[in-house]
Amino acid sequence: MTAGDGFTPCSLEEAVARMLELEASRLGCYSWGAGGYHPANPKQLGMTLGEDTALGLGWDCAGAVVHALRLTRHRPGFNRQMHASITDDLNVDSLLEDADPDRGGRGELGQLVTTPAPGILLLTPTIKIPEKHFDEPGHVRLILDASGWNPAAPRWADVIYLECRGPNGRRPGVVRDHGASVDKHDADWPHDFTRADGTLVRPRAALVRIRYQP
């Protein structure tokens, strides 16, 4: 297998370049459930119809990122383990769970890291608390610049990233931002907790490095 087959990720440098291409194109919109990589047409920007076809072509956050990494969304066998919230497909939570051995992850695609750098994914997980009727969707961003990161006083606000963010229909699809909102997320959710069903929830933001496989 080689990068470009839809199952083998490209280098992080190429992923950044491809995400910058999406930003520069100013095409498409945020479209829930849309986006991905098409091995038969690698130069295609990866725009696909989402669940709301009236929006036209676009991506969601994971769709844009997996396009940049040259990965198809559907990946049979991925994250099949007892603690998985989703299997056989790439999204925010399956990428996080695969990279986290404490949640059953096998590290098929990625590994948790502690230092941001270009091409690394910054993710906030989906947080579901059924007994409180609470559901906060997860989100993934691809880091563009971490030169301002200070490990002695770490702040996500010092990290610049590219993301495709909602609401549904927002244009253009891919934009850049800094992580101040991620700092707020972590301040709102400072601790791990266990839901009533016994599921471990790790709500804080995490970094995942997708392994390049030349």
C-alpha atoms as a PDB file:
ATOM      1  CA  MET A   1       0.000   0.000   0.000  1.00  0.00           C
ATOM      2  CA  THR A   2       1.118   3.561  -0.730  1.00  0.00           C
ATOM      3  CA  ALA A   3      -0.110   7.074   0.010  1.00  0.00           C
ATOM      4  CA  GLY A   4      -2.923   7.793  -2.402  1.00  0.00           C
ATOM      5  CA  ASP A   5      -4.634   4.397  -2.149  1.00  0.00           C
ATOM      6  CA  GLY A   6      -7.151   5.797   0.324  1.00  0.00           C
ATOM      7  CA  PHE A   7      -5.928   3.625   3.203  1.00  0.00           C
ATOM      8  CA  THR A   8      -2.334   4.834   3.635  1.00  0.00           C
ATOM      9  CA  PRO A   9      -1.912   8.402   4.921  1.00  0.00           C
ATOM     10  CA  CYS A  10       0.368  10.858   3.190  1.00  0.00           C
ATOM     11  CA  SER A  11       3.083  12.806   5.013  1.00  0.00           C
ATOM     12  CA  LEU A  12       2.044  15.524   7.433  1.00  0.00           C
ATOM     13  CA  GLU A  13       3.759  18.097   5.200  1.00  0.00           C
ATOM     14  CA  GLU A  14       1.606  17.053   2.254  1.00  0.00           C
ATOM     15  CA  ALA A  15      -1.502  17.036   4.451  1.00  0.00           C
ATOM     16  CA  VAL A  16      -0.858  20.658   5.424  1.00  0.00           C
ATOM     17  CA  ALA A  17      -0.366  21.595   1.759  1.00  0.00           C
ATOM     18  CA  ARG A  18      -3.598  19.879   0.768  1.00  0.00           C
ATOM     19  CA  MET A  19      -5.539  21.582   3.584  1.00  0.00           C
ATOM     20  CA  LEU A  20      -4.104  24.935   2.481  1.00  0.00           C
ATOM     21  CA  GLU A  21      -5.391  24.155  -1.001  1.00  0.00           C
ATOM     22  CA  LEU A  22      -8.893  23.715   0.416  1.00  0.00           C
ATOM     23  CA  GLU A  23      -8.596  27.038   2.248  1.00  0.00           C
ATOM     24  CA  ALA A  24      -7.326  28.866  -0.834  1.00  0.00           C
ATOM     25  CA  SER A  25     -10.048  27.452  -3.079  1.00  0.00           C
ATOM     26  CA  ARG A  26     -12.805  29.066  -0.971  1.00  0.00           C
ATOM     27  CA  LEU A  27     -15.091  26.439  -2.478  1.00  0.00           C
ATOM     28  CA  GLY A  28     -17.813  24.438  -0.807  1.00  0.00           C
ATOM     29  CA  CYS A  29     -19.409  24.882   2.589  1.00  0.00           C
ATOM     30  CA  TYR A  30     -19.654  23.102   5.902  1.00  0.00           C
ATOM     31  CA  SER A  31     -21.899  20.121   5.207  1.00  0.00           C
ATOM     32  CA  TRP A  32     -22.552  17.506   7.907  1.00  0.00           C
ATOM     33  CA  GLY A  33     -21.499  14.017   6.800  1.00  0.00           C
ATOM     34  CA  ALA A  34     -19.666  15.175   3.680  1.00  0.00           C
ATOM     35  CA  GLY A  35     -16.138  15.060   2.339  1.00  0.00           C
ATOM     36  CA  GLY A  36     -13.350  12.579   1.972  1.00  0.00           C
ATOM     37  CA  TYR A  37     -10.602  11.441  -0.374  1.00  0.00           C
ATOM     38  CA  HIS A  38     -11.201   9.851  -3.767  1.00  0.00           C
ATOM     39  CA  PRO A  39      -8.256   7.674  -4.903  1.00  0.00           C
ATOM     40  CA  ALA A  40      -9.585   7.469  -8.469  1.00  0.00           C
ATOM     41  CA  ASN A  41      -9.398  11.256  -8.751  1.00  0.00           C
ATOM     42  CA  PRO A  42      -6.644  12.440  -6.382  1.00  0.00           C
ATOM     43  CA  LYS A  43      -6.703  16.047  -7.640  1.00  0.00           C
ATOM     44  CA  GLN A  44     -10.378  16.425  -6.840  1.00  0.00           C
ATOM     45  CA  LEU A  45     -10.867  18.709  -3.870  1.00  0.00           C
ATOM     46  CA  GLY A  46     -12.853  16.046  -2.077  1.00  0.00           C
ATOM     47  CA  MET A  47     -16.206  17.789  -2.106  1.00  0.00           C
ATOM     48  CA  THR A  48     -19.150  15.434  -1.785  1.00  0.00           C
ATOM     49  CA  LEU A  49     -22.811  15.819  -1.015  1.00  0.00           C
ATOM     50  CA  GLY A  50     -23.597  15.727   2.684  1.00  0.00           C
ATOM     51  CA  GLU A  51     -26.725  14.613   4.459  1.00  0.00           C
ATOM     52  CA  ASP A  52     -28.474  17.862   3.513  1.00  0.00           C
ATOM     53  CA  THR A  53     -28.195  17.732  -0.287  1.00  0.00           C
ATOM     54  CA  ALA A  54     -29.784  21.178  -0.597  1.00  0.00           C
ATOM     55  CA  LEU A  55     -26.500  22.654   0.655  1.00  0.00           C
ATOM     56  CA  GLY A  56     -24.638  21.412  -2.393  1.00  0.00           C
ATOM     57  CA  LEU A  57     -21.008  20.343  -2.185  1.00  0.00           C
ATOM     58  CA  GLY A  58     -18.868  20.613   0.908  1.00  0.00           C
ATOM     59  CA  TRP A  59     -17.213  18.952   3.867  1.00  0.00           C
ATOM     60  CA  ASP A  60     -17.586  18.466   7.558  1.00  0.00           C
ATOM     61  CA  CYS A  61     -14.578  18.788   9.884  1.00  0.00           C
ATOM     62  CA  ALA A  62     -13.454  15.180   9.521  1.00  0.00           C
ATOM     63  CA  GLY A  63     -14.198  15.158   5.785  1.00  0.00           C
ATOM     64  CA  ALA A  64     -11.773  18.006   5.146  1.00  0.00           C
ATOM     65  CA  VAL A  65      -9.040  16.491   7.336  1.00  0.00           C
ATOM     66  CA  VAL A  66      -9.203  12.985   5.864  1.00  0.00           C
ATOM     67  CA  HIS A  67      -9.151  14.496   2.365  1.00  0.00           C
ATOM     68  CA  ALA A  68      -5.952  16.313   3.350  1.00  0.00           C
ATOM     69  CA  LEU A  69      -4.458  13.047   4.674  1.00  0.00           C
ATOM     70  CA  ARG A  70      -5.520  11.124   1.531  1.00  0.00           C
ATOM     71  CA  LEU A  71      -7.751   8.782   3.511  1.00  0.00           C
ATOM     72  CA  THR A  72     -11.208   7.518   2.604  1.00  0.00           C
ATOM     73  CA  ARG A  73     -13.884   7.904   5.273  1.00  0.00           C
ATOM     74  CA  HIS A  74     -14.972   4.263   5.174  1.00  0.00           C
ATOM     75  CA  ARG A  75     -12.264   1.961   6.538  1.00  0.00           C
ATOM     76  CA  PRO A  76     -13.499  -1.615   7.152  1.00  0.00           C
ATOM     77  CA  GLY A  77     -12.215  -3.026  10.448  1.00  0.00           C
ATOM     78  CA  PHE A  78     -11.105   0.316  11.856  1.00  0.00           C
ATOM     79  CA  ASN A  79     -11.476   0.776  15.624  1.00  0.00           C
ATOM     80  CA  ARG A  80     -13.288  -2.499  16.133  1.00  0.00           C
ATOM     81  CA  GLN A  81     -12.890  -2.867  19.882  1.00  0.00           C
ATOM     82  CA  MET A  82     -15.200  -3.134  22.863  1.00  0.00           C
ATOM     83  CA  HIS A  83     -14.982   0.525  23.906  1.00  0.00           C
ATOM     84  CA  ALA A  84     -15.548   1.973  20.442  1.00  0.00           C
ATOM     85  CA  SER A  85     -18.297   4.505  19.832  1.00  0.00           C
ATOM     86  CA  ILE A  86     -17.923   4.092  16.051  1.00  0.00           C
ATOM     87  CA  THR A  87     -16.238   1.452  13.900  1.00  0.00           C
ATOM     88  CA  ASP A  88     -15.346   1.036  10.209  1.00  0.00           C
ATOM     89  CA  ASP A  89     -15.339   4.791   9.543  1.00  0.00           C
ATOM     90  CA  LEU A  90     -13.070   7.747  10.243  1.00  0.00           C
ATOM     91  CA  ASN A  91     -14.492  10.557  12.338  1.00  0.00           C
ATOM     92  CA  VAL A  92     -13.422  12.621  15.340  1.00  0.00           C
ATOM     93  CA  ASP A  93     -14.144   9.935  17.925  1.00  0.00           C
ATOM     94  CA  SER A  94     -12.847   6.904  16.039  1.00  0.00           C
ATOM     95  CA  LEU A  95      -9.542   8.717  15.390  1.00  0.00           C
ATOM     96  CA  LEU A  96      -9.256   9.604  19.083  1.00  0.00           C
ATOM     97  CA  GLU A  97     -10.227   6.144  20.316  1.00  0.00           C
ATOM     98  CA  ASP A  98      -7.839   4.390  17.919  1.00  0.00           C
ATOM     99  CA  ALA A  99      -4.954   6.513  19.239  1.00  0.00           C
ATOM    100  CA  ASP A 100      -5.774   6.049  22.946  1.00  0.00           C
ATOM    101  CA  PRO A 101      -4.735   2.671  24.414  1.00  0.00           C
ATOM    102  CA  ASP A 102      -6.657   3.439  27.615  1.00  0.00           C
ATOM    103  CA  ARG A 103      -9.863   3.410  25.563  1.00  0.00           C
ATOM    104  CA  GLY A 104      -9.004   0.214  23.710  1.00  0.00           C
ATOM    105  CA  GLY A 105      -7.146   1.849  20.841  1.00  0.00           C
ATOM    106  CA  ARG A 106      -4.743  -0.226  18.761  1.00  0.00           C
ATOM    107  CA  GLY A 107      -2.932   2.700  17.149  1.00  0.00           C
ATOM    108  CA  GLU A 108      -3.728   1.593  13.631  1.00  0.00           C
ATOM    109  CA  LEU A 109      -3.564   5.123  12.248  1.00  0.00           C
ATOM    110  CA  GLY A 110      -2.452   7.498  14.974  1.00  0.00           C
ATOM    111  CA  GLN A 111      -0.841   8.036  18.334  1.00  0.00           C
ATOM    112  CA  LEU A 112      -1.491  10.524  21.112  1.00  0.00           C
ATOM    113  CA  VAL A 113       1.207  13.196  21.421  1.00  0.00           C
ATOM    114  CA  THR A 114       1.677  16.134  23.779  1.00  0.00           C
ATOM    115  CA  THR A 115       3.368  18.761  21.588  1.00  0.00           C
ATOM    116  CA  PRO A 116       1.565  20.500  18.716  1.00  0.00           C
ATOM    117  CA  ALA A 117       3.251  20.754  15.320  1.00  0.00           C
ATOM    118  CA  PRO A 118       2.159  21.310  11.706  1.00  0.00           C
ATOM    119  CA  GLY A 119       0.036  18.435  10.414  1.00  0.00           C
ATOM    120  CA  ILE A 120      -0.943  17.109  13.854  1.00  0.00           C
ATOM    121  CA  LEU A 121      -4.654  16.879  14.610  1.00  0.00           C
ATOM    122  CA  LEU A 122      -6.199  18.834  17.482  1.00  0.00           C
ATOM    123  CA  LEU A 123      -9.434  17.126  18.504  1.00  0.00           C
ATOM    124  CA  THR A 124     -12.204  17.712  21.004  1.00  0.00           C
ATOM    125  CA  PRO A 125     -14.331  14.583  21.468  1.00  0.00           C
ATOM    126  CA  THR A 126     -18.062  14.160  21.275  1.00  0.00           C
ATOM    127  CA  ILE A 127     -19.470  14.449  24.797  1.00  0.00           C
ATOM    128  CA  LYS A 128     -22.692  12.549  25.402  1.00  0.00           C
ATOM    129  CA  ILE A 129     -24.377  12.345  28.797  1.00  0.00           C
ATOM    130  CA  PRO A 130     -27.670  10.544  28.094  1.00  0.00           C
ATOM    131  CA  GLU A 131     -28.991  10.839  31.637  1.00  0.00           C
ATOM    132  CA  LYS A 132     -28.729  14.640  31.309  1.00  0.00           C
ATOM    133  CA  HIS A 133     -29.869  14.720  27.664  1.00  0.00           C
ATOM    134  CA  PHE A 134     -26.563  16.379  26.778  1.00  0.00           C
ATOM    135  CA  ASP A 135     -24.810  15.911  23.416  1.00  0.00           C
ATOM    136  CA  GLU A 136     -21.903  18.114  22.289  1.00  0.00           C
ATOM    137  CA  PRO A 137     -20.456  17.142  18.867  1.00  0.00           C
ATOM    138  CA  GLY A 138     -16.742  16.540  18.515  1.00  0.00           C
ATOM    139  CA  HIS A 139     -14.458  18.547  16.246  1.00  0.00           C
ATOM    140  CA  VAL A 140     -11.098  18.090  14.532  1.00  0.00           C
ATOM    141  CA  ARG A 141      -8.604  20.663  13.305  1.00  0.00           C
ATOM    142  CA  LEU A 142      -5.297  20.332  11.433  1.00  0.00           C
ATOM    143  CA  ILE A 143      -2.477  22.381  12.968  1.00  0.00           C
ATOM    144  CA  LEU A 144      -0.782  24.865  10.646  1.00  0.00           C
ATOM    145  CA  ASP A 145       1.575  26.760  12.968  1.00  0.00           C
ATOM    146  CA  ALA A 146       2.651  25.941  16.524  1.00  0.00           C
ATOM    147  CA  SER A 147       5.690  28.234  16.685  1.00  0.00           C
ATOM    148  CA  GLY A 148       4.044  30.264  19.474  1.00  0.00           C
ATOM    149  CA  TRP A 149       3.498  27.231  21.732  1.00  0.00           C
ATOM    150  CA  ASN A 150       5.163  27.561  25.149  1.00  0.00           C
ATOM    151  CA  PRO A 151       5.350  24.189  26.962  1.00  0.00           C
ATOM    152  CA  ALA A 152       5.952  26.010  30.237  1.00  0.00           C
ATOM    153  CA  ALA A 153       2.651  27.875  29.847  1.00  0.00           C
ATOM    154  CA  PRO A 154       0.661  25.919  27.266  1.00  0.00           C
ATOM    155  CA  ARG A 155      -2.324  27.623  25.637  1.00  0.00           C
ATOM    156  CA  TRP A 156      -4.232  26.392  22.607  1.00  0.00           C
ATOM    157  CA  ALA A 157      -4.707  30.073  21.723  1.00  0.00           C
ATOM    158  CA  ASP A 158      -1.038  30.062  20.662  1.00  0.00           C
ATOM    159  CA  VAL A 159      -1.731  27.404  18.013  1.00  0.00           C
ATOM    160  CA  ILE A 160      -2.969  28.280  14.512  1.00  0.00           C
ATOM    161  CA  TYR A 161      -4.968  25.628  12.681  1.00  0.00           C
ATOM    162  CA  LEU A 162      -7.124  24.990   9.632  1.00  0.00           C
ATOM    163  CA  GLU A 163     -10.625  23.637  10.135  1.00  0.00           C
ATOM    164  CA  CYS A 164     -13.973  23.145   8.481  1.00  0.00           C
ATOM    165  CA  ARG A 165     -16.554  24.356  10.968  1.00  0.00           C
ATOM    166  CA  GLY A 166     -20.300  24.827  11.116  1.00  0.00           C
ATOM    167  CA  PRO A 167     -23.069  25.733  11.220  1.00  0.00           C
ATOM    168  CA  ASN A 168     -24.402  23.700   8.322  1.00  0.00           C
ATOM    169  CA  GLY A 169     -24.102  25.702   5.108  1.00  0.00           C
ATOM    170  CA  ARG A 170     -21.375  28.055   6.386  1.00  0.00           C
ATOM    171  CA  ARG A 171     -19.128  29.338   3.578  1.00  0.00           C
ATOM    172  CA  PRO A 172     -16.305  29.060   2.797  1.00  0.00           C
ATOM    173  CA  GLY A 173     -15.798  25.551   4.082  1.00  0.00           C
ATOM    174  CA  VAL A 174     -12.186  25.602   5.317  1.00  0.00           C
ATOM    175  CA  VAL A 175     -10.850  28.543   7.335  1.00  0.00           C
ATOM    176  CA  ARG A 176      -7.999  29.191   9.757  1.00  0.00           C
ATOM    177  CA  ASP A 177      -8.283  30.142  13.414  1.00  0.00           C
ATOM    178  CA  HIS A 178      -6.444  29.952  16.734  1.00  0.00           C
ATOM    179  CA  GLY A 179      -7.317  27.759  19.676  1.00  0.00           C
ATOM    180  CA  ALA A 180      -8.866  30.199  22.162  1.00  0.00           C
ATOM    181  CA  SER A 181     -12.173  28.335  21.872  1.00  0.00           C
ATOM    182  CA  VAL A 182     -10.339  25.087  22.689  1.00  0.00           C
ATOM    183  CA  ASP A 183      -8.932  26.668  25.853  1.00  0.00           C
ATOM    184  CA  LYS A 184     -12.495  27.547  26.834  1.00  0.00           C
ATOM    185  CA  HIS A 185     -13.624  23.991  26.082  1.00  0.00           C
ATOM    186  CA  ASP A 186     -10.936  22.576  28.376  1.00  0.00           C
ATOM    187  CA  ALA A 187     -11.819  25.082  31.108  1.00  0.00           C
ATOM    188  CA  ASP A 188     -15.450  23.949  30.886  1.00  0.00           C
ATOM    189  CA  TRP A 189     -14.473  20.243  30.941  1.00  0.00           C
ATOM    190  CA  PRO A 190     -11.333  19.991  33.115  1.00  0.00           C
ATOM    191  CA  HIS A 191     -11.653  16.391  34.325  1.00  0.00           C
ATOM    192  CA  ASP A 192     -12.300  12.874  33.055  1.00  0.00           C
ATOM    193  CA  PHE A 193     -15.539  11.359  34.292  1.00  0.00           C
ATOM    194  CA  THR A 194     -17.544   8.162  34.071  1.00  0.00           C
ATOM    195  CA  ARG A 195     -21.094   8.148  32.728  1.00  0.00           C
ATOM    196  CA  ALA A 196     -23.933   6.271  34.411  1.00  0.00           C
ATOM    197  CA  ASP A 197     -23.382   3.371  31.983  1.00  0.00           C
ATOM    198  CA  GLY A 198     -19.745   3.041  33.101  1.00  0.00           C
ATOM    199  CA  THR A 199     -18.225   4.600  29.977  1.00  0.00           C
ATOM    200  CA  LEU A 200     -15.044   6.602  30.569  1.00  0.00           C
ATOM    201  CA  VAL A 201     -15.280  10.110  29.075  1.00  0.00           C
ATOM    202  CA  ARG A 202     -12.112  12.087  28.397  1.00  0.00           C
ATOM    203  CA  PRO A 203     -13.528  15.457  27.398  1.00  0.00           C
ATOM    204  CA  ARG A 204     -10.383  17.567  27.123  1.00  0.00           C
ATOM    205  CA  ALA A 205      -8.721  18.362  23.813  1.00  0.00           C
ATOM    206  CA  ALA A 206      -6.093  15.907  22.584  1.00  0.00           C
ATOM    207  CA  LEU A 207      -3.409  15.796  19.916  1.00  0.00           C
ATOM    208  CA  VAL A 208      -3.163  12.889  17.489  1.00  0.00           C
ATOM    209  CA  ARG A 209      -0.294  12.375  15.082  1.00  0.00           C
ATOM    210  CA  ILE A 210      -1.250  10.273  12.059  1.00  0.00           C
ATOM    211  CA  ARG A 211       1.635   7.991  11.190  1.00  0.00           C
ATOM    212  CA  TYR A 212       3.153   8.526   7.772  1.00  0.00           C
ATOM    213  CA  GLN A 213       3.761   5.186   6.074  1.00  0.00           C
ATOM    214  CA  PRO A 214       6.036   5.731   3.030  1.00  0.00           C
END
